[in-house]
Amino acid sequence: MKITNQKLTRNQEIVLNLLENSGEPLKAYTILSDTQKKGIKAPTQVYRALDKLIEIGKVHKIESKNSYVACNISNCTAMTSTSFLICEKCEKVTELEKENLKSFFGGISERLNFEYSDHNLEIFGFCNTCK
């Protein structure tokens, strides 16, 4: 379950605010570049902040783009099992809220005698604006 009232460190707040105000997924080095004036000077500071924000469900990693987005879903429970629609033209990312995806993949895995733990699903296509 997403931890909503956990106190964030200064660096975590800076990184989260940047991601929340970005219209697109950001790479770690872009985050570093955009936060240097606010006191974040090293890649390890960015990665530590991102790791914790992912752990508490406030940020998700877009694996195929090696970039990060803030979670915009209130009460999101997807910390490790994430599903996204990604526009190939404008790169808009939409998180799928369906809890039943984990159940769906779990059922398939069970039928194939595979122990399911989590998933990262990225579906590419075109958003309504770009199609």
N, C-alpha and C. Protein backbone atom coordinates (compact mmCIF):
# COMPACT_ATOMS: atom_id res chain seq x y z
N MET A 1 0.84 -1.18 0.00
CA MET A 1 0.00 0.00 0.00
C MET A 1 0.88 1.24 0.00
N LYS A 2 0.46 2.27 -0.68
CA LYS A 2 1.21 3.50 -0.77
C LYS A 2 1.25 4.21 0.59
N ILE A 3 2.42 4.63 0.96
CA ILE A 3 2.60 5.36 2.21
C ILE A 3 2.46 6.84 1.89
N THR A 4 1.40 7.47 2.36
CA THR A 4 1.13 8.84 1.97
C THR A 4 1.60 9.86 2.99
N ASN A 5 1.78 9.49 4.23
CA ASN A 5 2.14 10.47 5.25
C ASN A 5 3.57 10.32 5.74
N GLN A 6 4.40 9.66 4.96
CA GLN A 6 5.80 9.51 5.35
C GLN A 6 6.54 10.82 5.08
N LYS A 7 7.35 11.24 6.03
CA LYS A 7 8.12 12.47 5.90
C LYS A 7 9.23 12.26 4.87
N LEU A 8 9.28 13.14 3.90
CA LEU A 8 10.30 13.06 2.87
C LEU A 8 11.50 13.91 3.26
N THR A 9 12.67 13.47 2.81
CA THR A 9 13.87 14.28 3.00
C THR A 9 13.81 15.46 2.03
N ARG A 10 14.68 16.42 2.24
CA ARG A 10 14.72 17.59 1.36
C ARG A 10 14.97 17.17 -0.09
N ASN A 11 15.94 16.27 -0.30
CA ASN A 11 16.24 15.81 -1.66
C ASN A 11 15.06 15.07 -2.28
N GLN A 12 14.39 14.24 -1.50
CA GLN A 12 13.22 13.53 -2.01
C GLN A 12 12.12 14.50 -2.42
N GLU A 13 11.90 15.54 -1.62
CA GLU A 13 10.90 16.55 -1.95
C GLU A 13 11.26 17.29 -3.23
N ILE A 14 12.52 17.65 -3.39
CA ILE A 14 12.98 18.35 -4.58
C ILE A 14 12.75 17.49 -5.82
N VAL A 15 13.17 16.23 -5.76
CA VAL A 15 13.03 15.33 -6.91
C VAL A 15 11.55 15.09 -7.20
N LEU A 16 10.74 14.83 -6.17
CA LEU A 16 9.31 14.59 -6.38
C LEU A 16 8.63 15.81 -6.99
N ASN A 17 8.93 17.00 -6.49
CA ASN A 17 8.33 18.22 -7.05
C ASN A 17 8.69 18.40 -8.51
N LEU A 18 9.94 18.13 -8.86
CA LEU A 18 10.36 18.23 -10.25
C LEU A 18 9.57 17.27 -11.13
N LEU A 19 9.45 16.02 -10.69
CA LEU A 19 8.72 15.03 -11.47
C LEU A 19 7.23 15.36 -11.57
N GLU A 20 6.65 15.86 -10.49
CA GLU A 20 5.24 16.21 -10.49
C GLU A 20 4.95 17.37 -11.45
N ASN A 21 5.92 18.27 -11.62
CA ASN A 21 5.73 19.43 -12.48
C ASN A 21 6.20 19.21 -13.91
N SER A 22 6.75 18.04 -14.18
CA SER A 22 7.23 17.73 -15.52
C SER A 22 6.08 17.15 -16.35
N GLY A 23 6.05 17.49 -17.59
CA GLY A 23 5.03 16.95 -18.47
C GLY A 23 5.44 15.65 -19.13
N GLU A 24 6.62 15.16 -18.76
CA GLU A 24 7.14 13.94 -19.40
C GLU A 24 8.03 13.19 -18.43
N PRO A 25 8.32 11.93 -18.73
CA PRO A 25 9.26 11.17 -17.90
C PRO A 25 10.64 11.81 -17.97
N LEU A 26 11.37 11.77 -16.85
CA LEU A 26 12.71 12.36 -16.80
C LEU A 26 13.75 11.32 -16.45
N LYS A 27 14.90 11.42 -17.10
CA LYS A 27 16.03 10.56 -16.80
C LYS A 27 16.75 11.10 -15.56
N ALA A 28 17.48 10.24 -14.88
CA ALA A 28 18.15 10.63 -13.63
C ALA A 28 19.11 11.79 -13.84
N TYR A 29 19.85 11.80 -14.95
CA TYR A 29 20.81 12.88 -15.16
C TYR A 29 20.12 14.19 -15.53
N THR A 30 18.95 14.12 -16.11
CA THR A 30 18.15 15.33 -16.34
C THR A 30 17.67 15.87 -15.00
N ILE A 31 17.25 14.97 -14.12
CA ILE A 31 16.84 15.37 -12.77
C ILE A 31 18.02 16.04 -12.06
N LEU A 32 19.20 15.44 -12.15
CA LEU A 32 20.39 16.02 -11.53
C LEU A 32 20.65 17.42 -12.07
N SER A 33 20.63 17.56 -13.37
CA SER A 33 20.88 18.85 -13.99
C SER A 33 19.87 19.90 -13.54
N ASP A 34 18.61 19.50 -13.44
CA ASP A 34 17.54 20.44 -13.08
C ASP A 34 17.48 20.74 -11.58
N THR A 35 18.20 19.99 -10.77
CA THR A 35 18.12 20.20 -9.32
C THR A 35 19.44 20.69 -8.71
N GLN A 36 20.47 20.87 -9.52
CA GLN A 36 21.77 21.28 -8.99
C GLN A 36 21.71 22.62 -8.27
N LYS A 37 20.90 23.56 -8.75
CA LYS A 37 20.79 24.87 -8.09
C LYS A 37 20.09 24.77 -6.74
N LYS A 38 19.42 23.64 -6.50
CA LYS A 38 18.72 23.44 -5.24
C LYS A 38 19.54 22.59 -4.27
N GLY A 39 20.80 22.30 -4.63
CA GLY A 39 21.69 21.62 -3.70
C GLY A 39 21.96 20.16 -3.96
N ILE A 40 21.33 19.58 -4.97
CA ILE A 40 21.62 18.19 -5.30
C ILE A 40 22.77 18.19 -6.29
N LYS A 41 23.91 17.68 -5.87
CA LYS A 41 25.14 17.81 -6.66
C LYS A 41 25.65 16.50 -7.26
N ALA A 42 25.20 15.36 -6.73
CA ALA A 42 25.77 14.08 -7.17
C ALA A 42 24.68 13.12 -7.64
N PRO A 43 25.02 12.28 -8.63
CA PRO A 43 24.06 11.29 -9.10
C PRO A 43 23.55 10.38 -7.98
N THR A 44 24.41 10.06 -7.02
CA THR A 44 23.97 9.17 -5.93
C THR A 44 22.85 9.80 -5.12
N GLN A 45 22.86 11.13 -4.98
CA GLN A 45 21.77 11.80 -4.26
C GLN A 45 20.45 11.63 -5.01
N VAL A 46 20.49 11.75 -6.33
CA VAL A 46 19.29 11.59 -7.15
C VAL A 46 18.80 10.15 -7.05
N TYR A 47 19.70 9.19 -7.22
CA TYR A 47 19.30 7.78 -7.21
C TYR A 47 18.76 7.35 -5.84
N ARG A 48 19.35 7.85 -4.77
CA ARG A 48 18.83 7.53 -3.43
C ARG A 48 17.41 8.07 -3.27
N ALA A 49 17.21 9.31 -3.69
CA ALA A 49 15.87 9.91 -3.60
C ALA A 49 14.87 9.13 -4.45
N LEU A 50 15.26 8.79 -5.67
CA LEU A 50 14.37 8.03 -6.55
C LEU A 50 14.04 6.66 -5.97
N ASP A 51 15.05 5.98 -5.46
CA ASP A 51 14.82 4.64 -4.88
C ASP A 51 13.80 4.70 -3.75
N LYS A 52 13.92 5.68 -2.88
CA LYS A 52 12.98 5.80 -1.76
C LYS A 52 11.59 6.19 -2.25
N LEU A 53 11.52 7.11 -3.22
CA LEU A 53 10.22 7.52 -3.76
C LEU A 53 9.52 6.37 -4.46
N ILE A 54 10.28 5.51 -5.11
CA ILE A 54 9.71 4.31 -5.73
C ILE A 54 9.22 3.36 -4.64
N GLU A 55 10.04 3.16 -3.62
CA GLU A 55 9.70 2.26 -2.52
C GLU A 55 8.39 2.65 -1.84
N ILE A 56 8.13 3.93 -1.70
CA ILE A 56 6.91 4.37 -1.03
C ILE A 56 5.76 4.65 -2.00
N GLY A 57 5.98 4.37 -3.31
CA GLY A 57 4.90 4.45 -4.29
C GLY A 57 4.59 5.82 -4.82
N LYS A 58 5.49 6.77 -4.67
CA LYS A 58 5.24 8.12 -5.18
C LYS A 58 5.81 8.34 -6.58
N VAL A 59 6.72 7.46 -6.99
CA VAL A 59 7.36 7.56 -8.30
C VAL A 59 7.42 6.17 -8.91
N HIS A 60 7.31 6.11 -10.23
CA HIS A 60 7.44 4.85 -10.97
C HIS A 60 8.54 5.00 -12.01
N LYS A 61 9.21 3.90 -12.29
CA LYS A 61 10.26 3.91 -13.33
C LYS A 61 9.66 3.38 -14.62
N ILE A 62 9.93 4.09 -15.71
CA ILE A 62 9.57 3.63 -17.05
C ILE A 62 10.83 2.93 -17.57
N GLU A 63 10.82 1.61 -17.49
CA GLU A 63 12.03 0.82 -17.78
C GLU A 63 12.54 1.03 -19.20
N SER A 64 11.65 1.02 -20.19
CA SER A 64 12.09 1.10 -21.58
C SER A 64 12.75 2.43 -21.91
N LYS A 65 12.45 3.45 -21.14
CA LYS A 65 13.02 4.77 -21.37
C LYS A 65 14.05 5.14 -20.31
N ASN A 66 14.26 4.25 -19.36
CA ASN A 66 15.17 4.49 -18.24
C ASN A 66 14.91 5.87 -17.65
N SER A 67 13.62 6.12 -17.39
CA SER A 67 13.22 7.42 -16.88
C SER A 67 12.15 7.24 -15.79
N TYR A 68 11.76 8.35 -15.18
CA TYR A 68 10.91 8.30 -14.00
C TYR A 68 9.73 9.25 -14.14
N VAL A 69 8.60 8.87 -13.55
CA VAL A 69 7.40 9.71 -13.51
C VAL A 69 6.83 9.70 -12.10
N ALA A 70 6.24 10.82 -11.73
CA ALA A 70 5.54 10.87 -10.45
C ALA A 70 4.21 10.15 -10.62
N CYS A 71 3.79 9.44 -9.59
CA CYS A 71 2.50 8.75 -9.62
C CYS A 71 1.42 9.79 -9.35
N ASN A 72 0.43 9.83 -10.23
CA ASN A 72 -0.66 10.79 -10.10
C ASN A 72 -1.94 10.16 -9.59
N ILE A 73 -1.87 8.90 -9.21
CA ILE A 73 -3.07 8.18 -8.76
C ILE A 73 -3.11 8.19 -7.24
N SER A 74 -4.17 8.76 -6.70
CA SER A 74 -4.30 8.75 -5.24
C SER A 74 -4.59 7.32 -4.79
N ASN A 75 -4.03 6.94 -3.68
CA ASN A 75 -4.17 5.59 -3.12
C ASN A 75 -3.63 4.52 -4.05
N CYS A 76 -2.63 4.85 -4.84
CA CYS A 76 -2.01 3.88 -5.74
C CYS A 76 -1.31 2.82 -4.90
N THR A 77 -1.51 1.57 -5.25
CA THR A 77 -0.85 0.49 -4.54
C THR A 77 0.25 -0.15 -5.38
N ALA A 78 0.47 0.36 -6.59
CA ALA A 78 1.46 -0.22 -7.49
C ALA A 78 2.84 0.33 -7.19
N MET A 79 3.59 -0.42 -6.40
CA MET A 79 4.97 -0.01 -6.13
C MET A 79 5.93 -0.81 -6.99
N THR A 80 5.59 -2.04 -7.25
CA THR A 80 6.45 -2.87 -8.10
C THR A 80 5.73 -3.36 -9.34
N SER A 81 4.45 -3.59 -9.27
CA SER A 81 3.68 -4.04 -10.43
C SER A 81 3.03 -2.84 -11.09
N THR A 82 3.65 -2.37 -12.17
CA THR A 82 3.16 -1.17 -12.83
C THR A 82 2.78 -1.46 -14.27
N SER A 83 1.81 -0.70 -14.75
CA SER A 83 1.34 -0.83 -16.13
C SER A 83 1.11 0.56 -16.70
N PHE A 84 1.67 0.81 -17.89
CA PHE A 84 1.59 2.14 -18.49
C PHE A 84 1.20 2.05 -19.96
N LEU A 85 0.49 3.08 -20.42
CA LEU A 85 0.28 3.34 -21.84
C LEU A 85 1.25 4.47 -22.18
N ILE A 86 2.06 4.29 -23.21
CA ILE A 86 3.07 5.29 -23.57
C ILE A 86 2.88 5.68 -25.03
N CYS A 87 2.65 6.98 -25.26
CA CYS A 87 2.48 7.47 -26.63
C CYS A 87 3.84 7.50 -27.32
N GLU A 88 3.90 6.90 -28.50
CA GLU A 88 5.16 6.84 -29.25
C GLU A 88 5.55 8.18 -29.85
N LYS A 89 4.57 9.08 -29.99
CA LYS A 89 4.87 10.37 -30.61
C LYS A 89 5.22 11.45 -29.57
N CYS A 90 4.34 11.68 -28.61
CA CYS A 90 4.57 12.76 -27.63
C CYS A 90 5.14 12.25 -26.31
N GLU A 91 5.23 10.94 -26.15
CA GLU A 91 5.77 10.27 -24.97
C GLU A 91 4.93 10.48 -23.71
N LYS A 92 3.67 10.86 -23.88
CA LYS A 92 2.77 10.97 -22.72
C LYS A 92 2.63 9.58 -22.09
N VAL A 93 2.71 9.55 -20.76
CA VAL A 93 2.63 8.30 -20.02
C VAL A 93 1.34 8.31 -19.19
N THR A 94 0.55 7.26 -19.32
CA THR A 94 -0.67 7.11 -18.53
C THR A 94 -0.56 5.82 -17.76
N GLU A 95 -0.67 5.91 -16.45
CA GLU A 95 -0.62 4.71 -15.61
C GLU A 95 -1.99 4.05 -15.60
N LEU A 96 -2.00 2.74 -15.79
CA LEU A 96 -3.25 1.98 -15.71
C LEU A 96 -3.53 1.66 -14.25
N GLU A 97 -4.75 1.91 -13.82
CA GLU A 97 -5.11 1.75 -12.42
C GLU A 97 -5.67 0.38 -12.09
N LYS A 98 -5.85 -0.46 -13.04
CA LYS A 98 -6.56 -1.72 -12.83
C LYS A 98 -5.80 -2.67 -11.93
N GLU A 99 -6.35 -2.92 -10.76
CA GLU A 99 -5.76 -3.87 -9.81
C GLU A 99 -5.84 -5.30 -10.35
N ASN A 100 -6.79 -5.54 -11.25
CA ASN A 100 -6.98 -6.90 -11.73
C ASN A 100 -5.86 -7.38 -12.66
N LEU A 101 -4.98 -6.49 -13.10
CA LEU A 101 -3.86 -6.93 -13.94
C LEU A 101 -2.94 -7.86 -13.17
N LYS A 102 -2.67 -7.52 -11.92
CA LYS A 102 -1.82 -8.39 -11.10
C LYS A 102 -2.49 -9.75 -10.91
N SER A 103 -3.78 -9.76 -10.69
CA SER A 103 -4.51 -11.02 -10.56
C SER A 103 -4.49 -11.80 -11.87
N PHE A 104 -4.65 -11.07 -12.99
CA PHE A 104 -4.63 -11.71 -14.31
C PHE A 104 -3.29 -12.39 -14.57
N PHE A 105 -2.20 -11.64 -14.36
CA PHE A 105 -0.87 -12.22 -14.59
C PHE A 105 -0.56 -13.32 -13.58
N GLY A 106 -1.04 -13.17 -12.36
CA GLY A 106 -0.86 -14.21 -11.35
C GLY A 106 -1.55 -15.50 -11.75
N GLY A 107 -2.77 -15.39 -12.31
CA GLY A 107 -3.52 -16.57 -12.75
C GLY A 107 -2.82 -17.29 -13.90
N ILE A 108 -2.35 -16.51 -14.87
CA ILE A 108 -1.62 -17.10 -16.00
C ILE A 108 -0.36 -17.81 -15.48
N SER A 109 0.36 -17.15 -14.62
CA SER A 109 1.60 -17.72 -14.07
C SER A 109 1.32 -19.02 -13.33
N GLU A 110 0.26 -19.02 -12.53
CA GLU A 110 -0.09 -20.22 -11.76
C GLU A 110 -0.40 -21.39 -12.68
N ARG A 111 -1.16 -21.12 -13.76
CA ARG A 111 -1.49 -22.18 -14.72
C ARG A 111 -0.23 -22.75 -15.40
N LEU A 112 0.80 -21.92 -15.51
CA LEU A 112 2.05 -22.35 -16.15
C LEU A 112 3.10 -22.79 -15.13
N ASN A 113 2.64 -22.98 -13.88
CA ASN A 113 3.52 -23.43 -12.80
C ASN A 113 4.71 -22.48 -12.62
N PHE A 114 4.40 -21.19 -12.60
CA PHE A 114 5.41 -20.14 -12.46
C PHE A 114 5.01 -19.27 -11.29
N GLU A 115 5.96 -18.94 -10.42
CA GLU A 115 5.64 -18.11 -9.26
C GLU A 115 5.78 -16.64 -9.64
N TYR A 116 4.65 -15.96 -9.75
CA TYR A 116 4.59 -14.55 -10.14
C TYR A 116 4.89 -13.66 -8.94
N SER A 117 5.73 -12.64 -9.14
CA SER A 117 5.99 -11.70 -8.05
C SER A 117 5.55 -10.28 -8.42
N ASP A 118 5.92 -9.79 -9.59
CA ASP A 118 5.48 -8.47 -10.01
C ASP A 118 5.68 -8.32 -11.51
N HIS A 119 5.25 -7.18 -12.05
CA HIS A 119 5.42 -6.94 -13.48
C HIS A 119 5.66 -5.46 -13.75
N ASN A 120 6.18 -5.21 -14.92
CA ASN A 120 6.34 -3.85 -15.43
C ASN A 120 5.87 -3.91 -16.88
N LEU A 121 4.63 -3.48 -17.11
CA LEU A 121 4.02 -3.57 -18.43
C LEU A 121 4.01 -2.19 -19.07
N GLU A 122 4.56 -2.08 -20.26
CA GLU A 122 4.57 -0.84 -21.00
C GLU A 122 3.97 -1.09 -22.37
N ILE A 123 2.84 -0.46 -22.62
CA ILE A 123 2.11 -0.63 -23.87
C ILE A 123 2.31 0.62 -24.71
N PHE A 124 2.82 0.43 -25.92
CA PHE A 124 3.12 1.57 -26.79
C PHE A 124 2.05 1.71 -27.86
N GLY A 125 1.76 2.95 -28.20
CA GLY A 125 0.78 3.28 -29.23
C GLY A 125 0.70 4.78 -29.35
N PHE A 126 -0.51 5.28 -29.63
CA PHE A 126 -0.68 6.71 -29.81
C PHE A 126 -1.85 7.22 -28.98
N CYS A 127 -1.60 8.32 -28.24
CA CYS A 127 -2.65 8.91 -27.41
C CYS A 127 -3.71 9.54 -28.31
N ASN A 128 -4.79 9.96 -27.70
CA ASN A 128 -5.91 10.54 -28.44
C ASN A 128 -5.49 11.78 -29.24
N THR A 129 -4.59 12.57 -28.70
CA THR A 129 -4.12 13.79 -29.40
C THR A 129 -3.27 13.45 -30.61
N CYS A 130 -2.46 12.42 -30.51
CA CYS A 130 -1.48 12.11 -31.57
C CYS A 130 -1.98 11.12 -32.61
N LYS A 131 -3.06 10.41 -32.35
CA LYS A 131 -3.47 9.39 -33.33
C LYS A 131 -4.10 9.96 -34.57
